[in-house]
PDB file of N, CA and C in Angstrom:
ATOM      1  N   MET A   1       9.370  22.298   6.060  1.00  0.00           N
ATOM      2  CA  MET A   1       8.445  21.958   4.855  1.00  0.00           C
ATOM      3  C   MET A   1       8.679  20.484   4.397  1.00  0.00           C
ATOM      4  N   LYS A   2       7.974  19.654   3.946  1.00  0.00           N
ATOM      5  CA  LYS A   2       8.265  18.241   3.822  1.00  0.00           C
ATOM      6  C   LYS A   2       8.634  18.474   2.025  1.00  0.00           C
ATOM      7  N   SER A   3       9.692  17.553   1.818  1.00  0.00           N
ATOM      8  CA  SER A   3      10.013  17.567   0.430  1.00  0.00           C
ATOM      9  C   SER A   3       9.208  16.458  -0.335  1.00  0.00           C
ATOM     10  N   LYS A   4       9.144  17.063  -1.718  1.00  0.00           N
ATOM     11  CA  LYS A   4       8.454  16.003  -2.627  1.00  0.00           C
ATOM     12  C   LYS A   4       8.714  14.408  -2.593  1.00  0.00           C
ATOM     13  N   GLN A   5       9.896  14.129  -2.187  1.00  0.00           N
ATOM     14  CA  GLN A   5      10.451  12.799  -2.134  1.00  0.00           C
ATOM     15  C   GLN A   5       9.512  12.221  -0.391  1.00  0.00           C
ATOM     16  N   ASP A   6       9.713  12.713   0.477  1.00  0.00           N
ATOM     17  CA  ASP A   6       8.837  12.685   1.606  1.00  0.00           C
ATOM     18  C   ASP A   6       7.449  12.393   1.525  1.00  0.00           C
ATOM     19  N   VAL A   7       6.871  13.242   0.647  1.00  0.00           N
ATOM     20  CA  VAL A   7       5.594  13.353   0.568  1.00  0.00           C
ATOM     21  C   VAL A   7       5.049  12.004  -0.468  1.00  0.00           C
ATOM     22  N   PHE A   8       5.981  11.820  -1.437  1.00  0.00           N
ATOM     23  CA  PHE A   8       5.820  10.672  -2.525  1.00  0.00           C
ATOM     24  C   PHE A   8       5.795   9.239  -1.685  1.00  0.00           C
ATOM     25  N   ALA A   9       6.998   9.503  -0.875  1.00  0.00           N
ATOM     26  CA  ALA A   9       6.924   7.807   0.132  1.00  0.00           C
ATOM     27  C   ALA A   9       5.755   7.852   0.752  1.00  0.00           C
ATOM     28  N   ARG A  10       5.405   8.875   1.547  1.00  0.00           N
ATOM     29  CA  ARG A  10       4.392   8.797   2.602  1.00  0.00           C
ATOM     30  C   ARG A  10       2.876   8.415   1.818  1.00  0.00           C
ATOM     31  N   VAL A  11       2.596   8.660   0.539  1.00  0.00           N
ATOM     32  CA  VAL A  11       1.146   8.370   0.146  1.00  0.00           C
ATOM     33  C   VAL A  11       1.369   7.254  -0.651  1.00  0.00           C
ATOM     34  N   ARG A  12       2.827   6.435  -0.861  1.00  0.00           N
ATOM     35  CA  ARG A  12       3.100   5.469  -1.127  1.00  0.00           C
ATOM     36  C   ARG A  12       2.879   4.282   0.067  1.00  0.00           C
ATOM     37  N   ALA A  13       3.401   4.641   0.999  1.00  0.00           N
ATOM     38  CA  ALA A  13       3.361   4.007   2.249  1.00  0.00           C
ATOM     39  C   ALA A  13       2.115   3.977   2.607  1.00  0.00           C
ATOM     40  N   GLU A  14       1.024   4.787   2.659  1.00  0.00           N
ATOM     41  CA  GLU A  14      -0.283   4.570   2.838  1.00  0.00           C
ATOM     42  C   GLU A  14      -1.072   3.544   2.368  1.00  0.00           C
ATOM     43  N   TYR A  15      -0.878   3.514   0.853  1.00  0.00           N
ATOM     44  CA  TYR A  15      -1.563   2.412   0.133  1.00  0.00           C
ATOM     45  C   TYR A  15      -1.059   1.097   0.032  1.00  0.00           C
ATOM     46  N   LEU A  16       0.373   1.091   0.607  1.00  0.00           N
ATOM     47  CA  LEU A  16       1.164  -0.246   0.592  1.00  0.00           C
ATOM     48  C   LEU A  16       0.445  -0.928   2.008  1.00  0.00           C
ATOM     49  N   GLU A  17       0.080  -0.050   3.408  1.00  0.00           N
ATOM     50  CA  GLU A  17      -0.281  -0.449   4.668  1.00  0.00           C
ATOM     51  C   GLU A  17      -1.617  -0.692   4.668  1.00  0.00           C
ATOM     52  N   MET A  18      -2.684  -0.296   3.955  1.00  0.00           N
ATOM     53  CA  MET A  18      -4.091  -0.493   4.117  1.00  0.00           C
ATOM     54  C   MET A  18      -4.530  -1.007   2.644  1.00  0.00           C
ATOM     55  N   PRO A  19      -4.463  -2.216   2.416  1.00  0.00           N
ATOM     56  CA  PRO A  19      -5.040  -2.688   0.856  1.00  0.00           C
ATOM     57  C   PRO A  19      -6.803  -2.440   0.690  1.00  0.00           C
ATOM     58  N   GLY A  20      -6.806  -2.180  -0.040  1.00  0.00           N
ATOM     59  CA  GLY A  20      -7.958  -1.772  -0.626  1.00  0.00           C
ATOM     60  C   GLY A  20      -8.097   0.013  -0.424  1.00  0.00           C
ATOM     61  N   LEU A  21      -7.204   0.551   0.129  1.00  0.00           N
ATOM     62  CA  LEU A  21      -7.885   2.143   0.372  1.00  0.00           C
ATOM     63  C   LEU A  21      -8.113   2.642  -1.046  1.00  0.00           C
ATOM     64  N   THR A  22      -9.027   3.286  -0.937  1.00  0.00           N
ATOM     65  CA  THR A  22      -9.650   4.030  -2.046  1.00  0.00           C
ATOM     66  C   THR A  22      -9.798   5.572  -1.381  1.00  0.00           C
ATOM     67  N   LEU A  23      -8.972   6.617  -2.106  1.00  0.00           N
ATOM     68  CA  LEU A  23      -9.145   7.834  -1.590  1.00  0.00           C
ATOM     69  C   LEU A  23      -9.229   8.705  -2.851  1.00  0.00           C
ATOM     70  N   THR A  24      -9.953   9.961  -2.849  1.00  0.00           N
ATOM     71  CA  THR A  24     -10.013  10.787  -3.802  1.00  0.00           C
ATOM     72  C   THR A  24      -9.023  12.088  -3.536  1.00  0.00           C
ATOM     73  N   ALA A  25      -8.480  12.549  -4.548  1.00  0.00           N
ATOM     74  CA  ALA A  25      -7.375  13.535  -4.134  1.00  0.00           C
ATOM     75  C   ALA A  25      -7.686  14.653  -2.928  1.00  0.00           C
ATOM     76  N   PRO A  26      -8.895  15.016  -2.784  1.00  0.00           N
ATOM     77  CA  PRO A  26      -9.012  16.090  -1.356  1.00  0.00           C
ATOM     78  C   PRO A  26      -8.855  15.242  -0.218  1.00  0.00           C
ATOM     79  N   GLN A  27      -9.137  13.877   0.140  1.00  0.00           N
ATOM     80  CA  GLN A  27      -8.770  13.110   1.010  1.00  0.00           C
ATOM     81  C   GLN A  27      -7.472  12.645   1.421  1.00  0.00           C
ATOM     82  N   VAL A  28      -6.561  12.642   0.080  1.00  0.00           N
ATOM     83  CA  VAL A  28      -5.143  12.737   0.144  1.00  0.00           C
ATOM     84  C   VAL A  28      -4.567  13.864   0.570  1.00  0.00           C
ATOM     85  N   GLU A  29      -5.340  14.654   0.233  1.00  0.00           N
ATOM     86  CA  GLU A  29      -4.334  16.321   0.702  1.00  0.00           C
ATOM     87  C   GLU A  29      -4.577  16.402   2.159  1.00  0.00           C
ATOM     88  N   ARG A  30      -5.678  15.964   2.348  1.00  0.00           N
ATOM     89  CA  ARG A  30      -6.079  15.989   4.096  1.00  0.00           C
ATOM     90  C   ARG A  30      -5.165  15.001   5.077  1.00  0.00           C
ATOM     91  N   LEU A  31      -5.332  13.839   4.401  1.00  0.00           N
ATOM     92  CA  LEU A  31      -4.574  12.889   4.977  1.00  0.00           C
ATOM     93  C   LEU A  31      -3.095  13.093   5.417  1.00  0.00           C
ATOM     94  N   CYS A  32      -2.725  13.671   4.346  1.00  0.00           N
ATOM     95  CA  CYS A  32      -0.820  13.949   4.316  1.00  0.00           C
ATOM     96  C   CYS A  32      -0.405  15.225   4.739  1.00  0.00           C
ATOM     97  N   GLY A  33      -1.842  16.210   4.557  1.00  0.00           N
ATOM     98  CA  GLY A  33      -1.312  17.621   5.134  1.00  0.00           C
ATOM     99  C   GLY A  33      -0.750  18.422   3.830  1.00  0.00           C
ATOM    100  N   ILE A  34      -1.117  18.169   2.513  1.00  0.00           N
ATOM    101  CA  ILE A  34      -0.470  18.649   1.458  1.00  0.00           C
ATOM    102  C   ILE A  34      -1.233  19.830   0.740  1.00  0.00           C
ATOM    103  N   ASP A  35      -0.913  20.385  -0.224  1.00  0.00           N
ATOM    104  CA  ASP A  35      -1.745  21.095  -1.097  1.00  0.00           C
ATOM    105  C   ASP A  35      -2.529  20.584  -2.520  1.00  0.00           C
ATOM    106  N   ALA A  36      -3.282  21.029  -3.139  1.00  0.00           N
ATOM    107  CA  ALA A  36      -3.658  20.486  -4.091  1.00  0.00           C
ATOM    108  C   ALA A  36      -2.904  20.033  -5.417  1.00  0.00           C
ATOM    109  N   THR A  37      -1.848  20.924  -5.631  1.00  0.00           N
ATOM    110  CA  THR A  37      -1.031  21.068  -6.795  1.00  0.00           C
ATOM    111  C   THR A  37      -0.019  19.766  -6.304  1.00  0.00           C
ATOM    112  N   LEU A  38       0.445  19.954  -5.051  1.00  0.00           N
ATOM    113  CA  LEU A  38       1.314  18.678  -4.799  1.00  0.00           C
ATOM    114  C   LEU A  38       0.713  17.591  -4.841  1.00  0.00           C
ATOM    115  N   CYS A  39      -0.328  17.359  -4.400  1.00  0.00           N
ATOM    116  CA  CYS A  39      -1.274  16.047  -4.273  1.00  0.00           C
ATOM    117  C   CYS A  39      -1.236  15.645  -5.400  1.00  0.00           C
ATOM    118  N   ARG A  40      -1.841  16.359  -6.722  1.00  0.00           N
ATOM    119  CA  ARG A  40      -2.047  15.766  -8.065  1.00  0.00           C
ATOM    120  C   ARG A  40      -0.861  15.674  -8.495  1.00  0.00           C
ATOM    121  N   LEU A  41       0.774  16.424  -8.309  1.00  0.00           N
ATOM    122  CA  LEU A  41       1.570  15.914  -9.225  1.00  0.00           C
ATOM    123  C   LEU A  41       1.923  14.379  -8.227  1.00  0.00           C
ATOM    124  N   ILE A  42       2.111  14.329  -7.006  1.00  0.00           N
ATOM    125  CA  ILE A  42       2.270  13.064  -7.048  1.00  0.00           C
ATOM    126  C   ILE A  42       1.509  11.483  -7.069  1.00  0.00           C
ATOM    127  N   LEU A  43       0.020  12.072  -7.048  1.00  0.00           N
ATOM    128  CA  LEU A  43      -0.947  11.025  -7.364  1.00  0.00           C
ATOM    129  C   LEU A  43      -0.707  10.956  -8.848  1.00  0.00           C
ATOM    130  N   ASP A  44      -0.764  11.683  -9.772  1.00  0.00           N
ATOM    131  CA  ASP A  44      -0.360  11.538 -11.307  1.00  0.00           C
ATOM    132  C   ASP A  44       0.893  10.568 -11.423  1.00  0.00           C
ATOM    133  N   THR A  45       2.133  11.081 -10.893  1.00  0.00           N
ATOM    134  CA  THR A  45       3.285   9.959 -10.878  1.00  0.00           C
ATOM    135  C   THR A  45       3.119   8.987 -10.431  1.00  0.00           C
ATOM    136  N   LEU A  46       2.225   8.428  -9.193  1.00  0.00           N
ATOM    137  CA  LEU A  46       1.695   7.020  -9.355  1.00  0.00           C
ATOM    138  C   LEU A  46       1.208   6.377  -9.990  1.00  0.00           C
ATOM    139  N   VAL A  47       0.131   6.963 -10.569  1.00  0.00           N
ATOM    140  CA  VAL A  47      -0.634   6.293 -12.004  1.00  0.00           C
ATOM    141  C   VAL A  47       0.355   6.320 -13.028  1.00  0.00           C
ATOM    142  N   GLU A  48       0.874   7.122 -13.237  1.00  0.00           N
ATOM    143  CA  GLU A  48       1.967   7.084 -14.456  1.00  0.00           C
ATOM    144  C   GLU A  48       2.811   5.843 -14.219  1.00  0.00           C
ATOM    145  N   ALA A  49       3.164   5.514 -12.723  1.00  0.00           N
ATOM    146  CA  ALA A  49       4.212   4.352 -12.458  1.00  0.00           C
ATOM    147  C   ALA A  49       3.554   3.263 -12.352  1.00  0.00           C
ATOM    148  N   ARG A  50       2.326   3.058 -12.628  1.00  0.00           N
ATOM    149  CA  ARG A  50       1.251   2.236 -12.659  1.00  0.00           C
ATOM    150  C   ARG A  50       1.358   1.321 -11.022  1.00  0.00           C
ATOM    151  N   PHE A  51       1.396   2.155 -10.265  1.00  0.00           N
ATOM    152  CA  PHE A  51       1.212   1.814  -8.998  1.00  0.00           C
ATOM    153  C   PHE A  51      -0.246   2.288  -8.221  1.00  0.00           C
ATOM    154  N   LEU A  52      -0.731   3.268  -8.805  1.00  0.00           N
ATOM    155  CA  LEU A  52      -2.062   3.406  -8.591  1.00  0.00           C
ATOM    156  C   LEU A  52      -2.779   3.766  -9.921  1.00  0.00           C
ATOM    157  N   ARG A  53      -4.231   3.314  -9.746  1.00  0.00           N
ATOM    158  CA  ARG A  53      -5.185   3.706 -10.704  1.00  0.00           C
ATOM    159  C   ARG A  53      -6.254   4.707 -10.244  1.00  0.00           C
ATOM    160  N   VAL A  54      -6.818   5.338 -11.181  1.00  0.00           N
ATOM    161  CA  VAL A  54      -8.061   6.142 -10.800  1.00  0.00           C
ATOM    162  C   VAL A  54      -9.416   5.479 -11.411  1.00  0.00           C
ATOM    163  N   ASN A  55     -10.244   5.424 -10.660  1.00  0.00           N
ATOM    164  CA  ASN A  55     -11.751   4.859 -11.126  1.00  0.00           C
ATOM    165  C   ASN A  55     -12.485   5.810 -11.579  1.00  0.00           C
ATOM    166  N   SER A  56     -13.881   5.353 -11.901  1.00  0.00           N
ATOM    167  CA  SER A  56     -14.795   6.280 -12.866  1.00  0.00           C
ATOM    168  C   SER A  56     -15.111   7.257 -11.953  1.00  0.00           C
ATOM    169  N   GLY A  57     -14.850   6.954 -10.560  1.00  0.00           N
ATOM    170  CA  GLY A  57     -15.573   8.373  -9.773  1.00  0.00           C
ATOM    171  C   GLY A  57     -14.566   9.257  -9.297  1.00  0.00           C
ATOM    172  N   GLY A  58     -13.172   9.111  -9.967  1.00  0.00           N
ATOM    173  CA  GLY A  58     -11.837  10.129  -9.542  1.00  0.00           C
ATOM    174  C   GLY A  58     -11.187   9.448  -8.290  1.00  0.00           C
ATOM    175  N   ALA A  59     -11.589   8.424  -7.915  1.00  0.00           N
ATOM    176  CA  ALA A  59     -10.831   8.010  -6.434  1.00  0.00           C
ATOM    177  C   ALA A  59      -9.652   7.132  -6.901  1.00  0.00           C
ATOM    178  N   TYR A  60      -8.689   7.232  -6.093  1.00  0.00           N
ATOM    179  CA  TYR A  60      -7.132   6.593  -6.460  1.00  0.00           C
ATOM    180  C   TYR A  60      -6.998   5.367  -5.685  1.00  0.00           C
ATOM    181  N   ALA A  61      -6.969   4.283  -6.539  1.00  0.00           N
ATOM    182  CA  ALA A  61      -6.667   2.978  -5.560  1.00  0.00           C
ATOM    183  C   ALA A  61      -5.250   2.256  -6.025  1.00  0.00           C
ATOM    184  N   ARG A  62      -4.847   1.431  -4.994  1.00  0.00           N
ATOM    185  CA  ARG A  62      -3.684   0.671  -5.694  1.00  0.00           C
ATOM    186  C   ARG A  62      -4.031  -0.427  -6.803  1.00  0.00           C
ATOM    187  N   LEU A  63      -3.241   0.063  -7.815  1.00  0.00           N
ATOM    188  CA  LEU A  63      -3.126  -1.072  -8.965  1.00  0.00           C
ATOM    189  C   LEU A  63      -2.175  -2.498  -8.505  1.00  0.00           C
ATOM    190  N   THR A  64      -3.070  -3.300  -8.488  1.00  0.00           N
ATOM    191  CA  THR A  64      -2.199  -4.799  -7.580  1.00  0.00           C
ATOM    192  C   THR A  64      -1.580  -5.423  -8.902  1.00  0.00           C
ATOM    193  N   GLU A  65      -1.583  -5.047 -10.107  1.00  0.00           N
ATOM    194  CA  GLU A  65      -0.818  -5.965 -11.070  1.00  0.00           C
ATOM    195  C   GLU A  65       0.619  -5.737 -10.742  1.00  0.00           C
ATOM    196  N   GLY A  66       1.394  -6.677 -11.398  1.00  0.00           N
ATOM    197  CA  GLY A  66       2.742  -6.720 -11.306  1.00  0.00           C
ATOM    198  C   GLY A  66       3.500  -6.985  -9.856  1.00  0.00           C
ATOM    199  N   ASP A  67       4.615  -6.509  -9.735  1.00  0.00           N
ATOM    200  CA  ASP A  67       5.110  -7.274  -8.762  1.00  0.00           C
ATOM    201  C   ASP A  67       5.588  -5.572  -7.786  1.00  0.00           C
ATOM    202  N   ILE A  68       5.013  -5.532  -6.746  1.00  0.00           N
ATOM    203  CA  ILE A  68       5.252  -4.700  -5.795  1.00  0.00           C
ATOM    204  C   ILE A  68       6.257  -4.993  -4.559  1.00  0.00           C
ATOM    205  N   SER A  69       7.427  -4.609  -4.839  1.00  0.00           N
ATOM    206  CA  SER A  69       8.480  -5.345  -3.804  1.00  0.00           C
ATOM    207  C   SER A  69       8.141  -4.788  -2.189  1.00  0.00           C
ATOM    208  N   ARG A  70       7.924  -6.083  -1.627  1.00  0.00           N
ATOM    209  CA  ARG A  70       7.405  -5.627  -0.038  1.00  0.00           C
ATOM    210  C   ARG A  70       7.901  -7.273   0.745  1.00  0.00           C
ATOM    211  N   SER A  71       8.341  -7.159   1.628  1.00  0.00           N
ATOM    212  CA  SER A  71       8.931  -8.171   2.542  1.00  0.00           C
ATOM    213  C   SER A  71       7.542  -9.113   2.903  1.00  0.00           C
ATOM    214  N   ARG A  72       7.474 -10.166   2.788  1.00  0.00           N
ATOM    215  CA  ARG A  72       6.566 -11.312   3.229  1.00  0.00           C
ATOM    216  C   ARG A  72       6.937 -11.909   4.472  1.00  0.00           C
ATOM    217  N   PRO A  73       5.871 -12.491   5.155  1.00  0.00           N
ATOM    218  CA  PRO A  73       6.547 -13.346   6.458  1.00  0.00           C
ATOM    219  C   PRO A  73       6.874 -14.622   5.839  1.00  0.00           C
ATOM    220  N   ALA A  74       7.381 -15.187   6.793  1.00  0.00           N
ATOM    221  CA  ALA A  74       7.996 -16.600   6.600  1.00  0.00           C
ATOM    222  C   ALA A  74       6.911 -17.540   7.196  1.00  0.00           C
ATOM    223  N   LYS A  75       6.719 -18.652   6.265  1.00  0.00           N
ATOM    224  CA  LYS A  75       5.845 -19.646   6.829  1.00  0.00           C
ATOM    225  C   LYS A  75       6.640 -20.658   7.503  1.00  0.00           C
ATOM    226  N   ALA A  76       6.060 -21.405   8.635  1.00  0.00           N
ATOM    227  CA  ALA A  76       6.703 -22.452   8.949  1.00  0.00           C
ATOM    228  C   ALA A  76       6.038 -23.671   8.855  1.00  0.00           C
ATOM    229  N   ALA A  77       6.346 -24.808   8.609  1.00  0.00           N
ATOM    230  CA  ALA A  77       5.785 -26.011   8.653  1.00  0.00           C
ATOM    231  C   ALA A  77       5.853 -26.530  10.374  1.00  0.00           C
ATOM    232  N   LEU A  78       4.728 -26.580  11.107  1.00  0.00           N
ATOM    233  CA  LEU A  78       5.104 -27.271  12.145  1.00  0.00           C
ATOM    234  C   LEU A  78       4.401 -28.705  12.419  1.00  0.00           C
ATOM    235  N   THR A  79       5.047 -29.470  13.011  1.00  0.00           N
ATOM    236  CA  THR A  79       4.481 -31.058  12.884  1.00  0.00           C
ATOM    237  C   THR A  79       4.925 -31.362  14.133  1.00  0.00           C
ATOM    238  N   SER A  80       3.892 -32.350  14.593  1.00  0.00           N
ATOM    239  CA  SER A  80       3.658 -32.966  15.865  1.00  0.00           C
ATOM    240  C   SER A  80       4.601 -34.004  15.964  1.00  0.00           C
ATOM    241  N   ARG A  81       5.446 -34.108  16.856  1.00  0.00           N
ATOM    242  CA  ARG A  81       6.307 -35.275  16.961  1.00  0.00           C
ATOM    243  C   ARG A  81       5.942 -35.999  18.414  1.00  0.00           C
ATOM    244  N   THR A  82       4.982 -36.006  18.766  1.00  0.00           N
ATOM    245  CA  THR A  82       4.594 -36.563  20.084  1.00  0.00           C
ATOM    246  C   THR A  82       4.335 -37.833  19.773  1.00  0.00           C
ATOM    247  N   THR A  83       4.910 -38.373  20.395  1.00  0.00           N
ATOM    248  CA  THR A  83       4.494 -40.395  20.499  1.00  0.00           C
ATOM    249  C   THR A  83       3.911 -40.704  21.708  1.00  0.00           C
ATOM    250  N   MET A  84       3.066 -41.511  21.231  1.00  0.00           N
ATOM    251  CA  MET A  84       2.114 -41.960  22.511  1.00  0.00           C
ATOM    252  C   MET A  84       2.928 -43.370  22.951  1.00  0.00           C
ATOM    253  N   ALA A  85       3.150 -43.497  24.155  1.00  0.00           N
ATOM    254  CA  ALA A  85       3.637 -44.734  25.037  1.00  0.00           C
ATOM    255  C   ALA A  85       2.579 -45.672  24.932  1.00  0.00           C
ATOM    256  N   LYS A  86       2.918 -46.967  24.379  1.00  0.00           N
ATOM    257  CA  LYS A  86       1.960 -48.199  24.567  1.00  0.00           C
ATOM    258  C   LYS A  86       1.349 -48.572  25.837  1.00  0.00           C
ATOM    259  N   ALA A  87       0.378 -48.632  25.916  1.00  0.00           N
ATOM    260  CA  ALA A  87      -0.100 -49.282  27.283  1.00  0.00           C
ATOM    261  C   ALA A  87      -0.089 -51.084  27.424  1.00  0.00           C
ATOM    262  N   SER A  88       0.544 -51.161  28.920  1.00  0.00           N
ATOM    263  CA  SER A  88       0.858 -52.588  28.794  1.00  0.00           C
ATOM    264  C   SER A  88      -0.222 -53.155  29.532  1.00  0.00           C
TER     265      SER A  88
END
């Protein structure tokens, strides 16, 4: 059996991995293989933590306001140093 912490981390990870993901509670239940009571508890906790929001249709989406800690890829500035030899 999965612990509440494991399921909480799984639901949060799904929303982090898929920007724009919007799911209803029954869809989250099926995705994570959890019962309705545990699903509501986790979704409510994520809403209270301001990680998720509920839209007017009852679907849950990530609230993108604020700082969500997540590693970002480094950017490299590539410049060309090729010099052309002057033809004589």
